[in-house]
Amino acid sequence: MEEIIKDVNFKAVMEDSIGEAIDYFLGKELSFGVLCNIASIEFEPKLSDELMENFQPPFTFFILANYTLQSARIEDDYLLFEAGFGEDNFASVVKVPLFAIFQIVIDEKPIFINMCATVAEEFGVKEKREVKSESENTSINAILSNPENQKLLKKLKK
C-alpha cells in the first residue's frame, strides 16, 4: 500500500480525480466538505496566530456551502474558496492543493478518499507533529467559532 500511495503517477491520478469530482459538485452547486492535510493549506490574508491555533494537525475539515460554495473554484491544481473565521468572521481565501485533500464528504458520508494525502513527506512534514489532547481546540472549533457556521451546520443536519 505504501508503495502505491507514494507513487508519483498514482498521486497524479488521484489529483485529477479529486479535481474532476469537485468540478462536478461545483457545477451542480452541491454542498460538500473536504478533509485536508493542514500542512499545505494557505490563507490569504493570513489568519492570526489565535485563529491558527484552532486547527489541529494533521487534518482539518471545511464545509463548502452558501457563500463559501459560490466562491469556490479549481485553479492551477488548487481548490480556492472564501471563508470567514472566528467570532468576527475574518474573511480569507483558502488555497488547498488538490493532492492535500484526504476526503470529500457529502451528507456526513465520505464519498472520495485520497490515501496519498496521508504521506507526510509530500507536505514538507518530516517529523510527526505532537498531537493535541482532546481538551484542546480542534479545527472544528475554528469553524464553529463563527455563529454563521453554527447556523449552517444546524441547517445541513436537518
N, C-alpha and C. Protein backbone atom coordinates (compact mmCIF):
# COMPACT_ATOMS: atom_id res chain seq x y z
N MET A 1 0.83 -1.19 0.00
CA MET A 1 0.00 0.00 0.00
C MET A 1 0.87 1.26 0.00
N GLU A 2 1.88 1.28 0.85
CA GLU A 2 2.74 2.46 0.97
C GLU A 2 3.42 2.78 -0.37
N GLU A 3 3.84 1.74 -1.07
CA GLU A 3 4.49 1.93 -2.37
C GLU A 3 3.54 2.60 -3.36
N ILE A 4 2.29 2.20 -3.33
CA ILE A 4 1.29 2.77 -4.25
C ILE A 4 1.03 4.23 -3.93
N ILE A 5 0.80 4.55 -2.64
CA ILE A 5 0.42 5.93 -2.31
C ILE A 5 1.58 6.91 -2.42
N LYS A 6 2.81 6.40 -2.52
CA LYS A 6 3.96 7.27 -2.74
C LYS A 6 4.33 7.36 -4.22
N ASP A 7 3.70 6.58 -5.07
CA ASP A 7 3.99 6.56 -6.49
C ASP A 7 3.51 7.86 -7.15
N VAL A 8 4.40 8.53 -7.84
CA VAL A 8 4.11 9.83 -8.47
C VAL A 8 2.96 9.72 -9.46
N ASN A 9 2.93 8.67 -10.26
CA ASN A 9 1.86 8.50 -11.24
C ASN A 9 0.51 8.28 -10.58
N PHE A 10 0.48 7.50 -9.50
CA PHE A 10 -0.77 7.28 -8.79
C PHE A 10 -1.25 8.59 -8.14
N LYS A 11 -0.33 9.37 -7.58
CA LYS A 11 -0.70 10.66 -6.99
C LYS A 11 -1.34 11.56 -8.05
N ALA A 12 -0.80 11.54 -9.27
CA ALA A 12 -1.35 12.36 -10.36
C ALA A 12 -2.77 11.91 -10.70
N VAL A 13 -3.00 10.60 -10.71
CA VAL A 13 -4.34 10.06 -10.98
C VAL A 13 -5.31 10.54 -9.91
N MET A 14 -4.89 10.46 -8.65
CA MET A 14 -5.75 10.88 -7.54
C MET A 14 -6.04 12.37 -7.63
N GLU A 15 -5.04 13.18 -7.92
CA GLU A 15 -5.22 14.62 -8.03
C GLU A 15 -6.20 14.96 -9.14
N ASP A 16 -6.07 14.31 -10.30
CA ASP A 16 -7.00 14.53 -11.40
C ASP A 16 -8.43 14.15 -11.00
N SER A 17 -8.56 13.01 -10.32
CA SER A 17 -9.88 12.53 -9.90
C SER A 17 -10.53 13.49 -8.90
N ILE A 18 -9.75 13.99 -7.97
CA ILE A 18 -10.26 14.95 -6.98
C ILE A 18 -10.76 16.20 -7.70
N GLY A 19 -9.96 16.72 -8.62
CA GLY A 19 -10.35 17.91 -9.37
C GLY A 19 -11.63 17.71 -10.15
N GLU A 20 -11.76 16.55 -10.81
CA GLU A 20 -12.96 16.26 -11.58
C GLU A 20 -14.18 16.13 -10.68
N ALA A 21 -14.03 15.47 -9.54
CA ALA A 21 -15.15 15.31 -8.60
C ALA A 21 -15.60 16.68 -8.08
N ILE A 22 -14.65 17.51 -7.69
CA ILE A 22 -15.00 18.83 -7.16
C ILE A 22 -15.63 19.69 -8.25
N ASP A 23 -15.10 19.64 -9.46
CA ASP A 23 -15.71 20.38 -10.58
C ASP A 23 -17.17 19.96 -10.77
N TYR A 24 -17.41 18.66 -10.66
CA TYR A 24 -18.77 18.13 -10.80
C TYR A 24 -19.69 18.71 -9.73
N PHE A 25 -19.23 18.68 -8.46
CA PHE A 25 -20.05 19.20 -7.36
C PHE A 25 -20.28 20.70 -7.49
N LEU A 26 -19.25 21.43 -7.91
CA LEU A 26 -19.40 22.87 -8.11
C LEU A 26 -20.39 23.16 -9.22
N GLY A 27 -20.34 22.39 -10.29
CA GLY A 27 -21.27 22.57 -11.40
C GLY A 27 -22.71 22.30 -11.00
N LYS A 28 -22.91 21.38 -10.07
CA LYS A 28 -24.25 21.04 -9.57
C LYS A 28 -24.66 21.93 -8.40
N GLU A 29 -23.75 22.82 -7.96
CA GLU A 29 -23.96 23.66 -6.79
C GLU A 29 -24.35 22.82 -5.57
N LEU A 30 -23.64 21.72 -5.40
CA LEU A 30 -23.89 20.75 -4.34
C LEU A 30 -22.93 21.01 -3.18
N SER A 31 -23.46 21.25 -1.99
CA SER A 31 -22.62 21.47 -0.81
C SER A 31 -21.83 20.21 -0.49
N PHE A 32 -20.59 20.40 -0.06
CA PHE A 32 -19.74 19.26 0.31
C PHE A 32 -18.67 19.73 1.28
N GLY A 33 -18.02 18.79 1.90
CA GLY A 33 -16.93 19.10 2.81
C GLY A 33 -15.65 18.46 2.31
N VAL A 34 -14.53 19.05 2.70
CA VAL A 34 -13.23 18.47 2.37
C VAL A 34 -12.40 18.36 3.65
N LEU A 35 -11.83 17.19 3.84
CA LEU A 35 -10.89 16.96 4.93
C LEU A 35 -9.51 17.06 4.31
N CYS A 36 -8.69 18.00 4.80
CA CYS A 36 -7.44 18.34 4.14
C CYS A 36 -6.25 18.23 5.08
N ASN A 37 -5.09 17.93 4.51
CA ASN A 37 -3.85 17.96 5.25
C ASN A 37 -3.49 19.42 5.48
N ILE A 38 -3.52 19.86 6.72
CA ILE A 38 -3.38 21.27 7.07
C ILE A 38 -2.00 21.84 6.73
N ALA A 39 -0.98 20.99 6.63
CA ALA A 39 0.38 21.46 6.38
C ALA A 39 0.53 22.19 5.06
N SER A 40 -0.36 21.93 4.09
CA SER A 40 -0.23 22.53 2.76
C SER A 40 -1.22 23.64 2.47
N ILE A 41 -2.10 23.93 3.40
CA ILE A 41 -3.14 24.94 3.17
C ILE A 41 -2.57 26.34 3.38
N GLU A 42 -2.96 27.25 2.48
CA GLU A 42 -2.56 28.66 2.60
C GLU A 42 -3.81 29.51 2.80
N PHE A 43 -3.67 30.60 3.53
CA PHE A 43 -4.75 31.55 3.76
C PHE A 43 -4.29 32.92 3.30
N GLU A 44 -5.16 33.63 2.56
CA GLU A 44 -4.81 34.97 2.09
C GLU A 44 -5.98 35.91 2.31
N PRO A 45 -5.92 36.87 3.19
CA PRO A 45 -4.78 37.15 4.04
C PRO A 45 -4.60 36.06 5.10
N LYS A 46 -3.40 36.03 5.65
CA LYS A 46 -3.07 35.02 6.66
C LYS A 46 -3.96 35.18 7.88
N LEU A 47 -4.26 34.05 8.51
CA LEU A 47 -5.04 34.07 9.74
C LEU A 47 -4.12 34.42 10.91
N SER A 48 -4.70 35.01 11.93
CA SER A 48 -3.92 35.34 13.13
C SER A 48 -3.46 34.04 13.80
N ASP A 49 -2.44 34.16 14.63
CA ASP A 49 -1.95 33.00 15.38
C ASP A 49 -3.07 32.41 16.23
N GLU A 50 -3.91 33.27 16.78
CA GLU A 50 -5.02 32.81 17.62
C GLU A 50 -5.98 31.91 16.82
N LEU A 51 -6.32 32.33 15.61
CA LEU A 51 -7.20 31.51 14.77
C LEU A 51 -6.49 30.24 14.31
N MET A 52 -5.21 30.34 13.97
CA MET A 52 -4.47 29.17 13.50
C MET A 52 -4.34 28.10 14.59
N GLU A 53 -4.33 28.52 15.85
CA GLU A 53 -4.23 27.55 16.95
C GLU A 53 -5.44 26.63 17.01
N ASN A 54 -6.54 27.04 16.40
CA ASN A 54 -7.76 26.22 16.41
C ASN A 54 -7.69 25.03 15.44
N PHE A 55 -6.72 25.06 14.53
CA PHE A 55 -6.58 23.96 13.58
C PHE A 55 -5.65 22.91 14.17
N GLN A 56 -6.16 21.70 14.31
CA GLN A 56 -5.37 20.63 14.90
C GLN A 56 -4.80 19.75 13.80
N PRO A 57 -3.46 19.72 13.67
CA PRO A 57 -2.84 18.86 12.66
C PRO A 57 -3.14 17.39 12.95
N PRO A 58 -3.09 16.52 11.98
CA PRO A 58 -2.62 16.80 10.62
C PRO A 58 -3.75 17.20 9.66
N PHE A 59 -5.02 16.97 10.01
CA PHE A 59 -6.11 17.24 9.08
C PHE A 59 -7.10 18.25 9.65
N THR A 60 -7.74 18.99 8.75
CA THR A 60 -8.81 19.91 9.13
C THR A 60 -9.94 19.76 8.12
N PHE A 61 -11.14 20.15 8.54
CA PHE A 61 -12.34 19.94 7.75
C PHE A 61 -12.98 21.28 7.39
N PHE A 62 -13.31 21.46 6.13
CA PHE A 62 -14.01 22.66 5.67
C PHE A 62 -15.32 22.24 5.01
N ILE A 63 -16.38 22.96 5.30
CA ILE A 63 -17.68 22.74 4.66
C ILE A 63 -17.87 23.83 3.63
N LEU A 64 -18.14 23.43 2.39
CA LEU A 64 -18.38 24.39 1.32
C LEU A 64 -19.88 24.43 1.07
N ALA A 65 -20.51 25.51 1.52
CA ALA A 65 -21.94 25.73 1.36
C ALA A 65 -22.18 27.23 1.32
N ASN A 66 -23.33 27.61 0.81
CA ASN A 66 -23.72 29.01 0.73
C ASN A 66 -22.63 29.85 0.04
N TYR A 67 -22.22 30.97 0.66
CA TYR A 67 -21.26 31.85 0.00
C TYR A 67 -19.92 31.15 -0.25
N THR A 68 -19.50 30.33 0.70
CA THR A 68 -18.23 29.62 0.52
C THR A 68 -18.29 28.74 -0.73
N LEU A 69 -19.40 28.07 -0.95
CA LEU A 69 -19.57 27.24 -2.14
C LEU A 69 -19.60 28.11 -3.40
N GLN A 70 -20.30 29.22 -3.34
CA GLN A 70 -20.38 30.11 -4.50
C GLN A 70 -19.02 30.69 -4.89
N SER A 71 -18.16 30.88 -3.90
CA SER A 71 -16.84 31.46 -4.18
C SER A 71 -15.82 30.40 -4.61
N ALA A 72 -16.15 29.12 -4.47
CA ALA A 72 -15.20 28.03 -4.72
C ALA A 72 -14.90 27.87 -6.20
N ARG A 73 -13.64 27.51 -6.47
CA ARG A 73 -13.21 27.24 -7.84
C ARG A 73 -11.93 26.40 -7.81
N ILE A 74 -11.68 25.73 -8.92
CA ILE A 74 -10.43 24.99 -9.10
C ILE A 74 -9.55 25.87 -9.99
N GLU A 75 -8.31 26.07 -9.55
CA GLU A 75 -7.38 26.90 -10.30
C GLU A 75 -5.96 26.35 -10.10
N ASP A 76 -5.31 25.99 -11.19
CA ASP A 76 -3.92 25.51 -11.13
C ASP A 76 -3.71 24.41 -10.09
N ASP A 77 -4.55 23.39 -10.11
CA ASP A 77 -4.46 22.24 -9.19
C ASP A 77 -4.66 22.62 -7.73
N TYR A 78 -5.42 23.68 -7.49
CA TYR A 78 -5.79 24.11 -6.14
C TYR A 78 -7.30 24.29 -6.06
N LEU A 79 -7.87 23.99 -4.92
CA LEU A 79 -9.24 24.36 -4.59
C LEU A 79 -9.14 25.67 -3.82
N LEU A 80 -9.79 26.71 -4.33
CA LEU A 80 -9.80 28.01 -3.66
C LEU A 80 -11.23 28.36 -3.28
N PHE A 81 -11.40 28.93 -2.09
CA PHE A 81 -12.70 29.39 -1.65
C PHE A 81 -12.53 30.44 -0.56
N GLU A 82 -13.54 31.29 -0.43
CA GLU A 82 -13.53 32.30 0.62
C GLU A 82 -14.29 31.76 1.82
N ALA A 83 -13.78 32.06 3.01
CA ALA A 83 -14.44 31.62 4.23
C ALA A 83 -14.22 32.65 5.33
N GLY A 84 -15.10 32.64 6.31
CA GLY A 84 -14.99 33.52 7.46
C GLY A 84 -14.58 32.71 8.68
N PHE A 85 -13.67 33.27 9.48
CA PHE A 85 -13.14 32.55 10.64
C PHE A 85 -13.30 33.38 11.90
N GLY A 86 -13.60 32.70 13.00
CA GLY A 86 -13.69 33.34 14.29
C GLY A 86 -14.98 34.11 14.47
N GLU A 87 -15.13 34.67 15.67
CA GLU A 87 -16.33 35.43 16.02
C GLU A 87 -16.53 36.64 15.13
N ASP A 88 -15.44 37.22 14.66
CA ASP A 88 -15.51 38.41 13.82
C ASP A 88 -15.68 38.07 12.35
N ASN A 89 -15.78 36.78 12.03
CA ASN A 89 -15.97 36.33 10.65
C ASN A 89 -14.87 36.88 9.75
N PHE A 90 -13.61 36.76 10.20
CA PHE A 90 -12.45 37.25 9.45
C PHE A 90 -12.39 36.55 8.10
N ALA A 91 -12.48 37.32 7.02
CA ALA A 91 -12.53 36.77 5.67
C ALA A 91 -11.13 36.45 5.16
N SER A 92 -11.01 35.27 4.57
CA SER A 92 -9.74 34.84 3.99
C SER A 92 -10.03 33.89 2.84
N VAL A 93 -9.17 33.92 1.83
CA VAL A 93 -9.25 32.95 0.74
C VAL A 93 -8.40 31.75 1.16
N VAL A 94 -9.03 30.58 1.13
CA VAL A 94 -8.36 29.34 1.50
C VAL A 94 -7.87 28.68 0.21
N LYS A 95 -6.59 28.31 0.18
CA LYS A 95 -5.98 27.72 -1.00
C LYS A 95 -5.49 26.32 -0.62
N VAL A 96 -6.18 25.30 -1.15
CA VAL A 96 -5.89 23.91 -0.80
C VAL A 96 -5.37 23.18 -2.04
N PRO A 97 -4.13 22.68 -2.01
CA PRO A 97 -3.67 21.86 -3.14
C PRO A 97 -4.55 20.61 -3.25
N LEU A 98 -4.92 20.25 -4.45
CA LEU A 98 -5.79 19.08 -4.62
C LEU A 98 -5.18 17.82 -4.00
N PHE A 99 -3.85 17.68 -4.09
CA PHE A 99 -3.22 16.47 -3.54
C PHE A 99 -3.35 16.39 -2.02
N ALA A 100 -3.66 17.52 -1.36
CA ALA A 100 -3.76 17.56 0.10
C ALA A 100 -5.17 17.22 0.60
N ILE A 101 -6.11 17.01 -0.32
CA ILE A 101 -7.48 16.67 0.08
C ILE A 101 -7.54 15.16 0.34
N PHE A 102 -7.81 14.82 1.59
CA PHE A 102 -7.87 13.42 2.01
C PHE A 102 -9.25 12.81 1.75
N GLN A 103 -10.31 13.56 2.04
CA GLN A 103 -11.66 13.06 1.82
C GLN A 103 -12.55 14.17 1.29
N ILE A 104 -13.52 13.76 0.48
CA ILE A 104 -14.63 14.61 0.10
C ILE A 104 -15.85 13.99 0.76
N VAL A 105 -16.63 14.82 1.45
CA VAL A 105 -17.75 14.33 2.25
C VAL A 105 -19.03 15.02 1.81
N ILE A 106 -20.09 14.23 1.65
CA ILE A 106 -21.42 14.77 1.37
C ILE A 106 -22.38 14.11 2.36
N ASP A 107 -23.21 14.94 2.99
CA ASP A 107 -24.17 14.46 3.99
C ASP A 107 -23.50 13.59 5.05
N GLU A 108 -22.36 14.04 5.53
CA GLU A 108 -21.60 13.36 6.58
C GLU A 108 -21.07 11.98 6.18
N LYS A 109 -21.05 11.70 4.88
CA LYS A 109 -20.54 10.42 4.39
C LYS A 109 -19.37 10.67 3.44
N PRO A 110 -18.23 10.02 3.69
CA PRO A 110 -17.11 10.17 2.76
C PRO A 110 -17.44 9.51 1.43
N ILE A 111 -17.31 10.26 0.34
CA ILE A 111 -17.59 9.69 -0.98
C ILE A 111 -16.33 9.58 -1.83
N PHE A 112 -15.24 10.17 -1.32
CA PHE A 112 -13.96 10.08 -2.03
C PHE A 112 -12.86 10.07 -0.99
N ILE A 113 -11.93 9.13 -1.13
CA ILE A 113 -10.80 9.05 -0.21
C ILE A 113 -9.51 9.03 -1.02
N ASN A 114 -8.58 9.89 -0.64
CA ASN A 114 -7.28 10.01 -1.29
C ASN A 114 -6.20 9.64 -0.27
N MET A 115 -5.76 8.41 -0.29
CA MET A 115 -4.76 7.95 0.68
C MET A 115 -3.41 8.65 0.48
N CYS A 116 -3.18 9.21 -0.68
CA CYS A 116 -1.91 9.91 -0.93
C CYS A 116 -1.76 11.13 -0.02
N ALA A 117 -2.87 11.71 0.44
CA ALA A 117 -2.81 12.89 1.30
C ALA A 117 -2.28 12.56 2.69
N THR A 118 -2.09 11.28 2.98
CA THR A 118 -1.58 10.89 4.30
C THR A 118 -0.06 10.78 4.32
N VAL A 119 0.58 10.93 3.18
CA VAL A 119 2.03 10.80 3.10
C VAL A 119 2.67 12.11 3.55
N ALA A 120 3.27 12.11 4.72
CA ALA A 120 3.79 13.32 5.35
C ALA A 120 4.85 14.01 4.50
N GLU A 121 5.72 13.27 3.84
CA GLU A 121 6.81 13.88 3.08
C GLU A 121 6.30 14.78 1.96
N GLU A 122 5.13 14.46 1.43
CA GLU A 122 4.54 15.24 0.35
C GLU A 122 4.24 16.67 0.81
N PHE A 123 4.06 16.84 2.10
CA PHE A 123 3.63 18.13 2.63
C PHE A 123 4.74 18.85 3.36
N GLY A 124 5.97 18.40 3.22
CA GLY A 124 7.08 19.05 3.88
C GLY A 124 7.12 18.76 5.37
N VAL A 125 6.42 17.75 5.82
CA VAL A 125 6.39 17.40 7.23
C VAL A 125 7.29 16.19 7.42
N LYS A 126 8.48 16.41 7.91
CA LYS A 126 9.45 15.32 8.05
C LYS A 126 9.23 14.53 9.33
N GLU A 127 8.77 15.21 10.37
CA GLU A 127 8.55 14.53 11.64
C GLU A 127 7.08 14.58 11.98
N LYS A 128 6.63 13.61 12.77
CA LYS A 128 5.25 13.64 13.21
C LYS A 128 5.09 14.80 14.18
N ARG A 129 3.98 15.52 14.05
CA ARG A 129 3.70 16.62 14.95
C ARG A 129 3.10 16.09 16.23
N GLU A 130 3.30 16.85 17.30
CA GLU A 130 2.71 16.49 18.58
C GLU A 130 1.19 16.59 18.46
N VAL A 131 0.49 15.56 18.88
CA VAL A 131 -0.96 15.55 18.81
C VAL A 131 -1.51 16.25 20.05
N LYS A 132 -2.43 17.18 19.85
CA LYS A 132 -3.03 17.90 20.97
C LYS A 132 -3.99 16.99 21.71
N SER A 133 -4.15 17.26 22.99
CA SER A 133 -5.10 16.48 23.78
C SER A 133 -6.52 16.80 23.35
N GLU A 134 -7.45 15.92 23.70
CA GLU A 134 -8.84 16.12 23.30
C GLU A 134 -9.42 17.39 23.89
N SER A 135 -8.90 17.82 25.04
CA SER A 135 -9.44 19.02 25.69
C SER A 135 -9.02 20.30 24.98
N GLU A 136 -8.01 20.24 24.14
CA GLU A 136 -7.57 21.42 23.41
C GLU A 136 -8.46 21.64 22.20
N ASN A 137 -8.38 22.84 21.65
CA ASN A 137 -9.21 23.17 20.49
C ASN A 137 -8.88 22.28 19.31
N THR A 138 -9.90 22.03 18.48
CA THR A 138 -9.73 21.27 17.25
C THR A 138 -10.11 22.17 16.09
N SER A 139 -9.87 21.69 14.88
CA SER A 139 -10.17 22.50 13.71
C SER A 139 -11.66 22.82 13.61
N ILE A 140 -12.50 21.92 14.08
CA ILE A 140 -13.94 22.20 14.01
C ILE A 140 -14.30 23.39 14.89
N ASN A 141 -13.54 23.60 15.97
CA ASN A 141 -13.79 24.76 16.83
C ASN A 141 -13.54 26.07 16.09
N ALA A 142 -12.56 26.08 15.19
CA ALA A 142 -12.30 27.28 14.39
C ALA A 142 -13.51 27.59 13.52
N ILE A 143 -14.10 26.57 12.97
CA ILE A 143 -15.28 26.75 12.12
C ILE A 143 -16.48 27.16 12.98
N LEU A 144 -16.67 26.48 14.11
CA LEU A 144 -17.83 26.75 14.95
C LEU A 144 -17.72 28.05 15.73
N SER A 145 -16.55 28.65 15.79
CA SER A 145 -16.41 29.92 16.49
C SER A 145 -17.14 31.04 15.75
N ASN A 146 -17.50 30.79 14.51
CA ASN A 146 -18.28 31.74 13.73
C ASN A 146 -19.76 31.36 13.87
N PRO A 147 -20.59 32.22 14.47
CA PRO A 147 -22.01 31.90 14.68
C PRO A 147 -22.74 31.54 13.39
N GLU A 148 -22.34 32.13 12.27
CA GLU A 148 -22.98 31.82 10.99
C GLU A 148 -22.74 30.36 10.60
N ASN A 149 -21.55 29.85 10.89
CA ASN A 149 -21.25 28.46 10.59
C ASN A 149 -22.05 27.52 11.47
N GLN A 150 -22.30 27.91 12.72
CA GLN A 150 -23.13 27.08 13.61
C GLN A 150 -24.53 26.95 13.04
N LYS A 151 -25.09 28.07 12.54
CA LYS A 151 -26.41 28.04 11.93
C LYS A 151 -26.41 27.13 10.70
N LEU A 152 -25.36 27.23 9.90
CA LEU A 152 -25.25 26.43 8.69
C LEU A 152 -25.23 24.94 9.01
N LEU A 153 -24.45 24.55 10.02
CA LEU A 153 -24.39 23.14 10.40
C LEU A 153 -25.75 22.62 10.86
N LYS A 154 -26.50 23.45 11.58
CA LYS A 154 -27.83 23.05 12.03
C LYS A 154 -28.73 22.82 10.82
N LYS A 155 -28.64 23.70 9.81
CA LYS A 155 -29.46 23.56 8.61
C LYS A 155 -29.08 22.29 7.85
N LEU A 156 -27.78 22.00 7.74
CA LEU A 156 -27.33 20.84 6.99
C LEU A 156 -27.75 19.54 7.65
N LYS A 157 -27.87 19.52 8.98
CA LYS A 157 -28.26 18.31 9.70
C LYS A 157 -29.73 18.00 9.56
N LYS A 158 -30.54 19.02 9.18
CA LYS A 158 -32.00 18.82 9.05
C LYS A 158 -32.36 18.06 7.82
